[in-house]
Amino acid sequence: MNFPTAFFVKLPYTIDDLVMPHRPVTEKPYMVEKTVFLPRIDYENFVTDLCVDRWFIEQNRSLCHIDDDDIWHCILVKRAGSRDGILVMSGGCVFPYWAAYLKRTSSAV
């Protein structure tokens, strides 16, 4: 089974840390376990300070792990109405320990 891949950054501070040139071989296969939609102001707050504990990560951190096949199980955090999003692999934390930027995800609910 082919999984999509993304470039994960360890302990990012802002969304700018996630949007950088990288080699495709550094991308990891991932699976979205749940999508969390945030209102515009909450999403903007999230992407400008990724170091803060977040309730939506705390509620879903049990979904985040790396399995035996090296697949990164993540939550996808999106602004309602946008196609972009942030993949979060919390590693048991309540903030994005690892995160990746996804441009133009499949739906803009």
PDB file of N, CA and C in Angstrom:
ATOM      1  N   MET A   1       0.848  -1.182   0.000  1.00  0.00           N
ATOM      2  CA  MET A   1       0.000   0.000   0.000  1.00  0.00           C
ATOM      3  C   MET A   1       0.894   1.246   0.000  1.00  0.00           C
ATOM      4  N   ASN A   2       0.586   2.188  -0.873  1.00  0.00           N
ATOM      5  CA  ASN A   2       1.351   3.426  -0.940  1.00  0.00           C
ATOM      6  C   ASN A   2       0.717   4.491  -0.057  1.00  0.00           C
ATOM      7  N   PHE A   3       1.532   5.097   0.769  1.00  0.00           N
ATOM      8  CA  PHE A   3       1.067   6.170   1.638  1.00  0.00           C
ATOM      9  C   PHE A   3       1.623   7.492   1.129  1.00  0.00           C
ATOM     10  N   PRO A   4       0.891   8.593   1.338  1.00  0.00           N
ATOM     11  CA  PRO A   4       1.459   9.894   1.001  1.00  0.00           C
ATOM     12  C   PRO A   4       2.640  10.171   1.924  1.00  0.00           C
ATOM     13  N   THR A   5       3.508  11.081   1.515  1.00  0.00           N
ATOM     14  CA  THR A   5       4.662  11.419   2.343  1.00  0.00           C
ATOM     15  C   THR A   5       4.680  12.918   2.628  1.00  0.00           C
ATOM     16  N   ALA A   6       5.348  13.285   3.717  1.00  0.00           N
ATOM     17  CA  ALA A   6       5.467  14.694   4.105  1.00  0.00           C
ATOM     18  C   ALA A   6       6.794  14.893   4.820  1.00  0.00           C
ATOM     19  N   PHE A   7       7.252  16.135   4.810  1.00  0.00           N
ATOM     20  CA  PHE A   7       8.492  16.517   5.472  1.00  0.00           C
ATOM     21  C   PHE A   7       8.160  16.994   6.890  1.00  0.00           C
ATOM     22  N   PHE A   8       8.500  16.177   7.893  1.00  0.00           N
ATOM     23  CA  PHE A   8       8.212  16.485   9.285  1.00  0.00           C
ATOM     24  C   PHE A   8       9.393  17.221   9.917  1.00  0.00           C
ATOM     25  N   VAL A   9       9.073  18.237  10.700  1.00  0.00           N
ATOM     26  CA  VAL A   9      10.074  19.044  11.398  1.00  0.00           C
ATOM     27  C   VAL A   9       9.906  18.820  12.899  1.00  0.00           C
ATOM     28  N   LYS A  10      11.010  18.553  13.565  1.00  0.00           N
ATOM     29  CA  LYS A  10      10.984  18.330  15.007  1.00  0.00           C
ATOM     30  C   LYS A  10      10.960  19.677  15.734  1.00  0.00           C
ATOM     31  N   LEU A  11      10.023  19.813  16.663  1.00  0.00           N
ATOM     32  CA  LEU A  11       9.869  20.992  17.516  1.00  0.00           C
ATOM     33  C   LEU A  11       9.825  22.310  16.735  1.00  0.00           C
ATOM     34  N   PRO A  12       8.902  22.436  15.803  1.00  0.00           N
ATOM     35  CA  PRO A  12       8.796  23.690  15.051  1.00  0.00           C
ATOM     36  C   PRO A  12       8.231  24.808  15.928  1.00  0.00           C
ATOM     37  N   TYR A  13       8.625  26.036  15.623  1.00  0.00           N
ATOM     38  CA  TYR A  13       8.119  27.201  16.360  1.00  0.00           C
ATOM     39  C   TYR A  13       6.901  27.807  15.676  1.00  0.00           C
ATOM     40  N   THR A  14       6.980  27.981  14.352  1.00  0.00           N
ATOM     41  CA  THR A  14       5.882  28.565  13.581  1.00  0.00           C
ATOM     42  C   THR A  14       5.727  27.793  12.276  1.00  0.00           C
ATOM     43  N   ILE A  15       4.702  28.139  11.531  1.00  0.00           N
ATOM     44  CA  ILE A  15       4.471  27.510  10.238  1.00  0.00           C
ATOM     45  C   ILE A  15       5.647  27.739   9.298  1.00  0.00           C
ATOM     46  N   ASP A  16       6.362  28.850   9.462  1.00  0.00           N
ATOM     47  CA  ASP A  16       7.520  29.135   8.605  1.00  0.00           C
ATOM     48  C   ASP A  16       8.598  28.056   8.723  1.00  0.00           C
ATOM     49  N   ASP A  17       8.703  27.426   9.874  1.00  0.00           N
ATOM     50  CA  ASP A  17       9.678  26.342  10.052  1.00  0.00           C
ATOM     51  C   ASP A  17       9.317  25.108   9.222  1.00  0.00           C
ATOM     52  N   LEU A  18       8.050  24.997   8.844  1.00  0.00           N
ATOM     53  CA  LEU A  18       7.574  23.816   8.115  1.00  0.00           C
ATOM     54  C   LEU A  18       7.660  23.969   6.607  1.00  0.00           C
ATOM     55  N   VAL A  19       7.754  25.205   6.159  1.00  0.00           N
ATOM     56  CA  VAL A  19       7.747  25.493   4.719  1.00  0.00           C
ATOM     57  C   VAL A  19       9.169  25.837   4.305  1.00  0.00           C
ATOM     58  N   MET A  20       9.944  24.810   4.045  1.00  0.00           N
ATOM     59  CA  MET A  20      11.336  25.024   3.667  1.00  0.00           C
ATOM     60  C   MET A  20      11.750  23.984   2.633  1.00  0.00           C
ATOM     61  N   PRO A  21      12.743  24.317   1.841  1.00  0.00           N
ATOM     62  CA  PRO A  21      13.237  23.315   0.883  1.00  0.00           C
ATOM     63  C   PRO A  21      13.782  22.095   1.625  1.00  0.00           C
ATOM     64  N   HIS A  22      13.567  20.945   1.051  1.00  0.00           N
ATOM     65  CA  HIS A  22      14.073  19.708   1.647  1.00  0.00           C
ATOM     66  C   HIS A  22      14.213  18.665   0.534  1.00  0.00           C
ATOM     67  N   ARG A  23      14.978  17.657   0.825  1.00  0.00           N
ATOM     68  CA  ARG A  23      15.141  16.555  -0.122  1.00  0.00           C
ATOM     69  C   ARG A  23      13.962  15.597   0.019  1.00  0.00           C
ATOM     70  N   PRO A  24      13.401  15.143  -1.086  1.00  0.00           N
ATOM     71  CA  PRO A  24      12.267  14.215  -1.007  1.00  0.00           C
ATOM     72  C   PRO A  24      12.563  12.946  -0.195  1.00  0.00           C
ATOM     73  N   VAL A  25      13.818  12.508  -0.148  1.00  0.00           N
ATOM     74  CA  VAL A  25      14.143  11.294   0.614  1.00  0.00           C
ATOM     75  C   VAL A  25      13.959  11.493   2.116  1.00  0.00           C
ATOM     76  N   THR A  26      13.847  12.744   2.572  1.00  0.00           N
ATOM     77  CA  THR A  26      13.646  13.009   4.004  1.00  0.00           C
ATOM     78  C   THR A  26      12.173  12.964   4.398  1.00  0.00           C
ATOM     79  N   GLU A  27      11.289  12.806   3.419  1.00  0.00           N
ATOM     80  CA  GLU A  27       9.859  12.749   3.722  1.00  0.00           C
ATOM     81  C   GLU A  27       9.488  11.392   4.316  1.00  0.00           C
ATOM     82  N   LYS A  28       8.497  11.415   5.198  1.00  0.00           N
ATOM     83  CA  LYS A  28       8.031  10.205   5.883  1.00  0.00           C
ATOM     84  C   LYS A  28       6.616   9.853   5.424  1.00  0.00           C
ATOM     85  N   PRO A  29       6.316   8.564   5.307  1.00  0.00           N
ATOM     86  CA  PRO A  29       4.943   8.169   4.974  1.00  0.00           C
ATOM     87  C   PRO A  29       4.030   8.418   6.175  1.00  0.00           C
ATOM     88  N   TYR A  30       2.818   8.884   5.882  1.00  0.00           N
ATOM     89  CA  TYR A  30       1.904   9.198   6.980  1.00  0.00           C
ATOM     90  C   TYR A  30       0.489   8.737   6.671  1.00  0.00           C
ATOM     91  N   MET A  31      -0.299   8.675   7.751  1.00  0.00           N
ATOM     92  CA  MET A  31      -1.720   8.369   7.664  1.00  0.00           C
ATOM     93  C   MET A  31      -2.445   9.350   8.582  1.00  0.00           C
ATOM     94  N   VAL A  32      -3.472  10.004   8.064  1.00  0.00           N
ATOM     95  CA  VAL A  32      -4.263  10.927   8.875  1.00  0.00           C
ATOM     96  C   VAL A  32      -5.301  10.115   9.635  1.00  0.00           C
ATOM     97  N   GLU A  33      -5.217  10.164  10.952  1.00  0.00           N
ATOM     98  CA  GLU A  33      -6.151   9.438  11.802  1.00  0.00           C
ATOM     99  C   GLU A  33      -7.408  10.251  12.094  1.00  0.00           C
ATOM    100  N   LYS A  34      -7.261  11.572  12.097  1.00  0.00           N
ATOM    101  CA  LYS A  34      -8.406  12.449  12.377  1.00  0.00           C
ATOM    102  C   LYS A  34      -8.075  13.839  11.855  1.00  0.00           C
ATOM    103  N   THR A  35      -9.084  14.540  11.360  1.00  0.00           N
ATOM    104  CA  THR A  35      -8.911  15.923  10.951  1.00  0.00           C
ATOM    105  C   THR A  35      -9.625  16.817  11.954  1.00  0.00           C
ATOM    106  N   VAL A  36      -8.908  17.834  12.421  1.00  0.00           N
ATOM    107  CA  VAL A  36      -9.458  18.812  13.368  1.00  0.00           C
ATOM    108  C   VAL A  36      -9.598  20.133  12.625  1.00  0.00           C
ATOM    109  N   PHE A  37     -10.818  20.677  12.592  1.00  0.00           N
ATOM    110  CA  PHE A  37     -11.069  21.958  11.939  1.00  0.00           C
ATOM    111  C   PHE A  37     -11.154  23.046  12.988  1.00  0.00           C
ATOM    112  N   LEU A  38     -10.395  24.113  12.777  1.00  0.00           N
ATOM    113  CA  LEU A  38     -10.385  25.243  13.707  1.00  0.00           C
ATOM    114  C   LEU A  38     -10.944  26.489  13.029  1.00  0.00           C
ATOM    115  N   PRO A  39     -11.586  27.366  13.812  1.00  0.00           N
ATOM    116  CA  PRO A  39     -11.969  28.659  13.265  1.00  0.00           C
ATOM    117  C   PRO A  39     -10.714  29.435  12.857  1.00  0.00           C
ATOM    118  N   ARG A  40     -10.873  30.393  11.941  1.00  0.00           N
ATOM    119  CA  ARG A  40      -9.737  31.136  11.390  1.00  0.00           C
ATOM    120  C   ARG A  40      -8.815  31.691  12.474  1.00  0.00           C
ATOM    121  N   ILE A  41      -9.342  32.362  13.468  1.00  0.00           N
ATOM    122  CA  ILE A  41      -8.501  32.999  14.496  1.00  0.00           C
ATOM    123  C   ILE A  41      -7.735  31.952  15.305  1.00  0.00           C
ATOM    124  N   ASP A  42      -8.365  30.822  15.606  1.00  0.00           N
ATOM    125  CA  ASP A  42      -7.689  29.761  16.361  1.00  0.00           C
ATOM    126  C   ASP A  42      -6.588  29.108  15.530  1.00  0.00           C
ATOM    127  N   TYR A  43      -6.851  28.933  14.232  1.00  0.00           N
ATOM    128  CA  TYR A  43      -5.827  28.361  13.359  1.00  0.00           C
ATOM    129  C   TYR A  43      -4.633  29.306  13.237  1.00  0.00           C
ATOM    130  N   GLU A  44      -4.892  30.590  13.052  1.00  0.00           N
ATOM    131  CA  GLU A  44      -3.807  31.574  12.962  1.00  0.00           C
ATOM    132  C   GLU A  44      -2.985  31.592  14.246  1.00  0.00           C
ATOM    133  N   ASN A  45      -3.650  31.507  15.372  1.00  0.00           N
ATOM    134  CA  ASN A  45      -2.948  31.445  16.656  1.00  0.00           C
ATOM    135  C   ASN A  45      -2.084  30.198  16.735  1.00  0.00           C
ATOM    136  N   PHE A  46      -2.617  29.081  16.277  1.00  0.00           N
ATOM    137  CA  PHE A  46      -1.893  27.814  16.288  1.00  0.00           C
ATOM    138  C   PHE A  46      -0.631  27.875  15.434  1.00  0.00           C
ATOM    139  N   VAL A  47      -0.743  28.329  14.180  1.00  0.00           N
ATOM    140  CA  VAL A  47       0.402  28.292  13.269  1.00  0.00           C
ATOM    141  C   VAL A  47       1.448  29.351  13.569  1.00  0.00           C
ATOM    142  N   THR A  48       1.104  30.357  14.353  1.00  0.00           N
ATOM    143  CA  THR A  48       2.094  31.370  14.719  1.00  0.00           C
ATOM    144  C   THR A  48       2.797  31.049  16.038  1.00  0.00           C
ATOM    145  N   ASP A  49       2.326  30.027  16.748  1.00  0.00           N
ATOM    146  CA  ASP A  49       2.987  29.589  17.979  1.00  0.00           C
ATOM    147  C   ASP A  49       2.730  28.097  18.181  1.00  0.00           C
ATOM    148  N   LEU A  50       3.524  27.275  17.536  1.00  0.00           N
ATOM    149  CA  LEU A  50       3.355  25.826  17.593  1.00  0.00           C
ATOM    150  C   LEU A  50       3.898  25.203  18.882  1.00  0.00           C
ATOM    151  N   CYS A  51       4.487  26.008  19.756  1.00  0.00           N
ATOM    152  CA  CYS A  51       5.103  25.481  20.983  1.00  0.00           C
ATOM    153  C   CYS A  51       4.132  25.413  22.163  1.00  0.00           C
ATOM    154  N   VAL A  52       2.929  25.898  21.988  1.00  0.00           N
ATOM    155  CA  VAL A  52       1.960  25.980  23.076  1.00  0.00           C
ATOM    156  C   VAL A  52       1.142  24.689  23.159  1.00  0.00           C
ATOM    157  N   ASP A  53       0.826  24.277  24.392  1.00  0.00           N
ATOM    158  CA  ASP A  53      -0.056  23.127  24.581  1.00  0.00           C
ATOM    159  C   ASP A  53      -1.427  23.456  23.998  1.00  0.00           C
ATOM    160  N   ARG A  54      -2.007  22.502  23.286  1.00  0.00           N
ATOM    161  CA  ARG A  54      -3.292  22.701  22.619  1.00  0.00           C
ATOM    162  C   ARG A  54      -4.273  21.626  23.048  1.00  0.00           C
ATOM    163  N   TRP A  55      -5.500  22.036  23.363  1.00  0.00           N
ATOM    164  CA  TRP A  55      -6.527  21.096  23.818  1.00  0.00           C
ATOM    165  C   TRP A  55      -6.833  20.048  22.759  1.00  0.00           C
ATOM    166  N   PHE A  56      -6.855  20.433  21.485  1.00  0.00           N
ATOM    167  CA  PHE A  56      -7.215  19.483  20.433  1.00  0.00           C
ATOM    168  C   PHE A  56      -6.123  18.442  20.209  1.00  0.00           C
ATOM    169  N   ILE A  57      -4.885  18.776  20.556  1.00  0.00           N
ATOM    170  CA  ILE A  57      -3.824  17.767  20.492  1.00  0.00           C
ATOM    171  C   ILE A  57      -3.916  16.860  21.712  1.00  0.00           C
ATOM    172  N   GLU A  58      -4.181  17.451  22.868  1.00  0.00           N
ATOM    173  CA  GLU A  58      -4.326  16.650  24.084  1.00  0.00           C
ATOM    174  C   GLU A  58      -5.441  15.611  23.923  1.00  0.00           C
ATOM    175  N   GLN A  59      -6.553  16.010  23.341  1.00  0.00           N
ATOM    176  CA  GLN A  59      -7.685  15.097  23.168  1.00  0.00           C
ATOM    177  C   GLN A  59      -7.400  13.983  22.156  1.00  0.00           C
ATOM    178  N   ASN A  60      -6.455  14.215  21.253  1.00  0.00           N
ATOM    179  CA  ASN A  60      -6.208  13.257  20.164  1.00  0.00           C
ATOM    180  C   ASN A  60      -4.798  12.690  20.144  1.00  0.00           C
ATOM    181  N   ARG A  61      -4.009  12.944  21.154  1.00  0.00           N
ATOM    182  CA  ARG A  61      -2.612  12.508  21.109  1.00  0.00           C
ATOM    183  C   ARG A  61      -2.449  10.995  21.102  1.00  0.00           C
ATOM    184  N   SER A  62      -3.446  10.278  21.582  1.00  0.00           N
ATOM    185  CA  SER A  62      -3.352   8.813  21.548  1.00  0.00           C
ATOM    186  C   SER A  62      -3.404   8.275  20.114  1.00  0.00           C
ATOM    187  N   LEU A  63      -3.866   9.092  19.179  1.00  0.00           N
ATOM    188  CA  LEU A  63      -3.915   8.690  17.770  1.00  0.00           C
ATOM    189  C   LEU A  63      -2.563   8.823  17.079  1.00  0.00           C
ATOM    190  N   CYS A  64      -1.661   9.583  17.699  1.00  0.00           N
ATOM    191  CA  CYS A  64      -0.376   9.927  17.084  1.00  0.00           C
ATOM    192  C   CYS A  64       0.716   8.947  17.516  1.00  0.00           C
ATOM    193  N   HIS A  65       1.288   8.269  16.531  1.00  0.00           N
ATOM    194  CA  HIS A  65       2.391   7.350  16.805  1.00  0.00           C
ATOM    195  C   HIS A  65       3.047   6.944  15.489  1.00  0.00           C
ATOM    196  N   ILE A  66       4.175   6.304  15.603  1.00  0.00           N
ATOM    197  CA  ILE A  66       4.857   5.726  14.446  1.00  0.00           C
ATOM    198  C   ILE A  66       4.755   4.217  14.607  1.00  0.00           C
ATOM    199  N   ASP A  67       4.175   3.555  13.619  1.00  0.00           N
ATOM    200  CA  ASP A  67       3.957   2.112  13.764  1.00  0.00           C
ATOM    201  C   ASP A  67       5.194   1.310  13.362  1.00  0.00           C
ATOM    202  N   ASP A  68       5.074   0.004  13.441  1.00  0.00           N
ATOM    203  CA  ASP A  68       6.199  -0.894  13.154  1.00  0.00           C
ATOM    204  C   ASP A  68       6.658  -0.835  11.695  1.00  0.00           C
ATOM    205  N   ASP A  69       5.789  -0.351  10.817  1.00  0.00           N
ATOM    206  CA  ASP A  69       6.142  -0.206   9.401  1.00  0.00           C
ATOM    207  C   ASP A  69       6.654   1.192   9.075  1.00  0.00           C
ATOM    208  N   ASP A  70       6.941   1.997  10.106  1.00  0.00           N
ATOM    209  CA  ASP A  70       7.443   3.367   9.976  1.00  0.00           C
ATOM    210  C   ASP A  70       6.426   4.311   9.328  1.00  0.00           C
ATOM    211  N   ILE A  71       5.146   4.035   9.521  1.00  0.00           N
ATOM    212  CA  ILE A  71       4.081   4.931   9.068  1.00  0.00           C
ATOM    213  C   ILE A  71       3.772   5.885  10.220  1.00  0.00           C
ATOM    214  N   TRP A  72       3.767   7.181   9.924  1.00  0.00           N
ATOM    215  CA  TRP A  72       3.496   8.208  10.925  1.00  0.00           C
ATOM    216  C   TRP A  72       1.985   8.450  10.988  1.00  0.00           C
ATOM    217  N   HIS A  73       1.362   8.078  12.087  1.00  0.00           N
ATOM    218  CA  HIS A  73      -0.071   8.278  12.299  1.00  0.00           C
ATOM    219  C   HIS A  73      -0.246   9.641  12.965  1.00  0.00           C
ATOM    220  N   CYS A  74      -1.029  10.514  12.308  1.00  0.00           N
ATOM    221  CA  CYS A  74      -1.088  11.922  12.692  1.00  0.00           C
ATOM    222  C   CYS A  74      -2.525  12.425  12.764  1.00  0.00           C
ATOM    223  N   ILE A  75      -2.648  13.612  13.340  1.00  0.00           N
ATOM    224  CA  ILE A  75      -3.880  14.368  13.183  1.00  0.00           C
ATOM    225  C   ILE A  75      -3.579  15.497  12.199  1.00  0.00           C
ATOM    226  N   LEU A  76      -4.572  15.865  11.425  1.00  0.00           N
ATOM    227  CA  LEU A  76      -4.450  16.959  10.472  1.00  0.00           C
ATOM    228  C   LEU A  76      -5.243  18.126  11.020  1.00  0.00           C
ATOM    229  N   VAL A  77      -4.568  19.259  11.220  1.00  0.00           N
ATOM    230  CA  VAL A  77      -5.213  20.457  11.758  1.00  0.00           C
ATOM    231  C   VAL A  77      -5.399  21.434  10.610  1.00  0.00           C
ATOM    232  N   LYS A  78      -6.662  21.838  10.393  1.00  0.00           N
ATOM    233  CA  LYS A  78      -6.981  22.717   9.277  1.00  0.00           C
ATOM    234  C   LYS A  78      -7.829  23.893   9.744  1.00  0.00           C
ATOM    235  N   ARG A  79      -7.708  24.976   9.002  1.00  0.00           N
ATOM    236  CA  ARG A  79      -8.612  26.111   9.197  1.00  0.00           C
ATOM    237  C   ARG A  79      -9.873  25.790   8.411  1.00  0.00           C
ATOM    238  N   ALA A  80     -11.015  25.967   9.034  1.00  0.00           N
ATOM    239  CA  ALA A  80     -12.281  25.717   8.354  1.00  0.00           C
ATOM    240  C   ALA A  80     -12.332  26.536   7.064  1.00  0.00           C
ATOM    241  N   GLY A  81     -12.632  25.875   5.942  1.00  0.00           N
ATOM    242  CA  GLY A  81     -12.725  26.537   4.659  1.00  0.00           C
ATOM    243  C   GLY A  81     -11.429  26.591   3.876  1.00  0.00           C
ATOM    244  N   SER A  82     -10.346  26.061   4.417  1.00  0.00           N
ATOM    245  CA  SER A  82      -9.051  26.096   3.743  1.00  0.00           C
ATOM    246  C   SER A  82      -8.655  24.696   3.299  1.00  0.00           C
ATOM    247  N   ARG A  83      -7.842  24.625   2.260  1.00  0.00           N
ATOM    248  CA  ARG A  83      -7.340  23.329   1.788  1.00  0.00           C
ATOM    249  C   ARG A  83      -5.974  23.011   2.380  1.00  0.00           C
ATOM    250  N   ASP A  84      -5.289  23.988   2.981  1.00  0.00           N
ATOM    251  CA  ASP A  84      -3.979  23.765   3.597  1.00  0.00           C
ATOM    252  C   ASP A  84      -4.174  23.222   5.014  1.00  0.00           C
ATOM    253  N   GLY A  85      -3.132  22.606   5.557  1.00  0.00           N
ATOM    254  CA  GLY A  85      -3.222  22.103   6.913  1.00  0.00           C
ATOM    255  C   GLY A  85      -1.871  21.732   7.474  1.00  0.00           C
ATOM    256  N   ILE A  86      -1.864  21.401   8.746  1.00  0.00           N
ATOM    257  CA  ILE A  86      -0.657  20.998   9.462  1.00  0.00           C
ATOM    258  C   ILE A  86      -0.859  19.584   9.986  1.00  0.00           C
ATOM    259  N   LEU A  87       0.046  18.688   9.603  1.00  0.00           N
ATOM    260  CA  LEU A  87       0.063  17.349  10.177  1.00  0.00           C
ATOM    261  C   LEU A  87       0.776  17.411  11.513  1.00  0.00           C
ATOM    262  N   VAL A  88       0.192  16.824  12.529  1.00  0.00           N
ATOM    263  CA  VAL A  88       0.795  16.819  13.861  1.00  0.00           C
ATOM    264  C   VAL A  88       1.010  15.386  14.300  1.00  0.00           C
ATOM    265  N   MET A  89       2.249  15.073  14.663  1.00  0.00           N
ATOM    266  CA  MET A  89       2.587  13.809  15.304  1.00  0.00           C
ATOM    267  C   MET A  89       3.146  14.225  16.663  1.00  0.00           C
ATOM    268  N   SER A  90       2.303  14.125  17.685  1.00  0.00           N
ATOM    269  CA  SER A  90       2.624  14.715  18.986  1.00  0.00           C
ATOM    270  C   SER A  90       3.664  13.947  19.785  1.00  0.00           C
ATOM    271  N   GLY A  91       3.854  12.684  19.480  1.00  0.00           N
ATOM    272  CA  GLY A  91       4.819  11.907  20.248  1.00  0.00           C
ATOM    273  C   GLY A  91       4.482  11.845  21.731  1.00  0.00           C
ATOM    274  N   GLY A  92       3.182  11.897  22.058  1.00  0.00           N
ATOM    275  CA  GLY A  92       2.738  11.851  23.447  1.00  0.00           C
ATOM    276  C   GLY A  92       2.634  13.211  24.109  1.00  0.00           C
ATOM    277  N   CYS A  93       3.091  14.247  23.443  1.00  0.00           N
ATOM    278  CA  CYS A  93       3.018  15.615  23.993  1.00  0.00           C
ATOM    279  C   CYS A  93       1.667  16.236  23.657  1.00  0.00           C
ATOM    280  N   VAL A  94       1.395  17.411  24.205  1.00  0.00           N
ATOM    281  CA  VAL A  94       0.149  18.123  23.915  1.00  0.00           C
ATOM    282  C   VAL A  94       0.411  19.337  23.026  1.00  0.00           C
ATOM    283  N   PHE A  95       1.528  19.296  22.330  1.00  0.00           N
ATOM    284  CA  PHE A  95       1.897  20.294  21.325  1.00  0.00           C
ATOM    285  C   PHE A  95       2.520  19.531  20.161  1.00  0.00           C
ATOM    286  N   PRO A  96       2.728  20.172  19.014  1.00  0.00           N
ATOM    287  CA  PRO A  96       3.293  19.457  17.871  1.00  0.00           C
ATOM    288  C   PRO A  96       4.783  19.150  18.048  1.00  0.00           C
ATOM    289  N   TYR A  97       5.100  17.968  18.564  1.00  0.00           N
ATOM    290  CA  TYR A  97       6.510  17.582  18.695  1.00  0.00           C
ATOM    291  C   TYR A  97       7.130  17.441  17.306  1.00  0.00           C
ATOM    292  N   TRP A  98       6.381  16.856  16.396  1.00  0.00           N
ATOM    293  CA  TRP A  98       6.732  16.784  14.975  1.00  0.00           C
ATOM    294  C   TRP A  98       5.560  17.366  14.195  1.00  0.00           C
ATOM    295  N   ALA A  99       5.839  18.130  13.149  1.00  0.00           N
ATOM    296  CA  ALA A  99       4.763  18.686  12.334  1.00  0.00           C
ATOM    297  C   ALA A  99       5.221  18.814  10.884  1.00  0.00           C
ATOM    298  N   ALA A 100       4.249  18.816   9.991  1.00  0.00           N
ATOM    299  CA  ALA A 100       4.513  18.968   8.560  1.00  0.00           C
ATOM    300  C   ALA A 100       3.405  19.822   7.955  1.00  0.00           C
ATOM    301  N   TYR A 101       3.770  20.629   6.992  1.00  0.00           N
ATOM    302  CA  TYR A 101       2.803  21.471   6.287  1.00  0.00           C
ATOM    303  C   TYR A 101       2.269  20.721   5.064  1.00  0.00           C
ATOM    304  N   LEU A 102       0.966  20.735   4.911  1.00  0.00           N
ATOM    305  CA  LEU A 102       0.339  20.131   3.732  1.00  0.00           C
ATOM    306  C   LEU A 102      -0.377  21.226   2.955  1.00  0.00           C
ATOM    307  N   LYS A 103      -0.009  21.372   1.714  1.00  0.00           N
ATOM    308  CA  LYS A 103      -0.664  22.342   0.854  1.00  0.00           C
ATOM    309  C   LYS A 103      -1.724  21.638   0.019  1.00  0.00           C
ATOM    310  N   ARG A 104      -2.874  22.237  -0.069  1.00  0.00           N
ATOM    311  CA  ARG A 104      -3.985  21.729  -0.889  1.00  0.00           C
ATOM    312  C   ARG A 104      -4.368  20.297  -0.541  1.00  0.00           C
ATOM    313  N   THR A 105      -4.830  20.104   0.668  1.00  0.00           N
ATOM    314  CA  THR A 105      -5.346  18.787   1.051  1.00  0.00           C
ATOM    315  C   THR A 105      -6.660  18.541   0.320  1.00  0.00           C
ATOM    316  N   SER A 106      -7.204  17.369   0.451  1.00  0.00           N
ATOM    317  CA  SER A 106      -8.307  16.942  -0.395  1.00  0.00           C
ATOM    318  C   SER A 106      -9.623  17.688  -0.211  1.00  0.00           C
ATOM    319  N   SER A 107      -9.911  18.218   0.981  1.00  0.00           N
ATOM    320  CA  SER A 107     -11.204  18.896   1.139  1.00  0.00           C
ATOM    321  C   SER A 107     -11.050  20.194   1.924  1.00  0.00           C
ATOM    322  N   ALA A 108     -11.934  21.114   1.648  1.00  0.00           N
ATOM    323  CA  ALA A 108     -11.924  22.426   2.306  1.00  0.00           C
ATOM    324  C   ALA A 108     -13.193  22.620   3.107  1.00  0.00           C
ATOM    325  N   VAL A 109     -13.549  21.638   3.919  1.00  0.00           N
ATOM    326  CA  VAL A 109     -14.783  21.674   4.704  1.00  0.00           C
ATOM    327  C   VAL A 109     -14.756  22.843   5.653  1.00  0.00           C
TER     328      VAL A 109
END
